[in-house]
Amino acid sequence: MTVLLGILSEIERAIIKERTKAGLERAREEGKRIGRPPYPFRENEVKFFLDRGYRIKDNWKILKADGKICNEKGKCMSYETFRRKVKKLLGNKKPP
């Protein structure tokens, strides 16, 4: 009896897995975004503050206080994520 329940649960798990994959594939085909919503990253404002000598951390604090690096749910970008994006934006240039 226990073996039979184990087999049925494995089959059910496989069916759920197939349905999940099919649903994700259908959503991608429809052009829906899968995953966490992106944070806004205003490159022009970041460059504006960096050109005036603001450090990355100061830049992050200013933009976070203004809500300009927060998503529609009000969750703001972490400093580490902001720092990575700024470094990618600057390329080989060293930030202040």
Foldseek 3Di string as FASTA:
>chain_A
DVVVVVVVVVVVVVVVVVVVVVVVVVCVVVVHDDDDDAWDDDPVQQVVCQVVPDALVRSQVVCVVVVRRADPVRHHDDSVVSVVVVCVVVPPDDTD
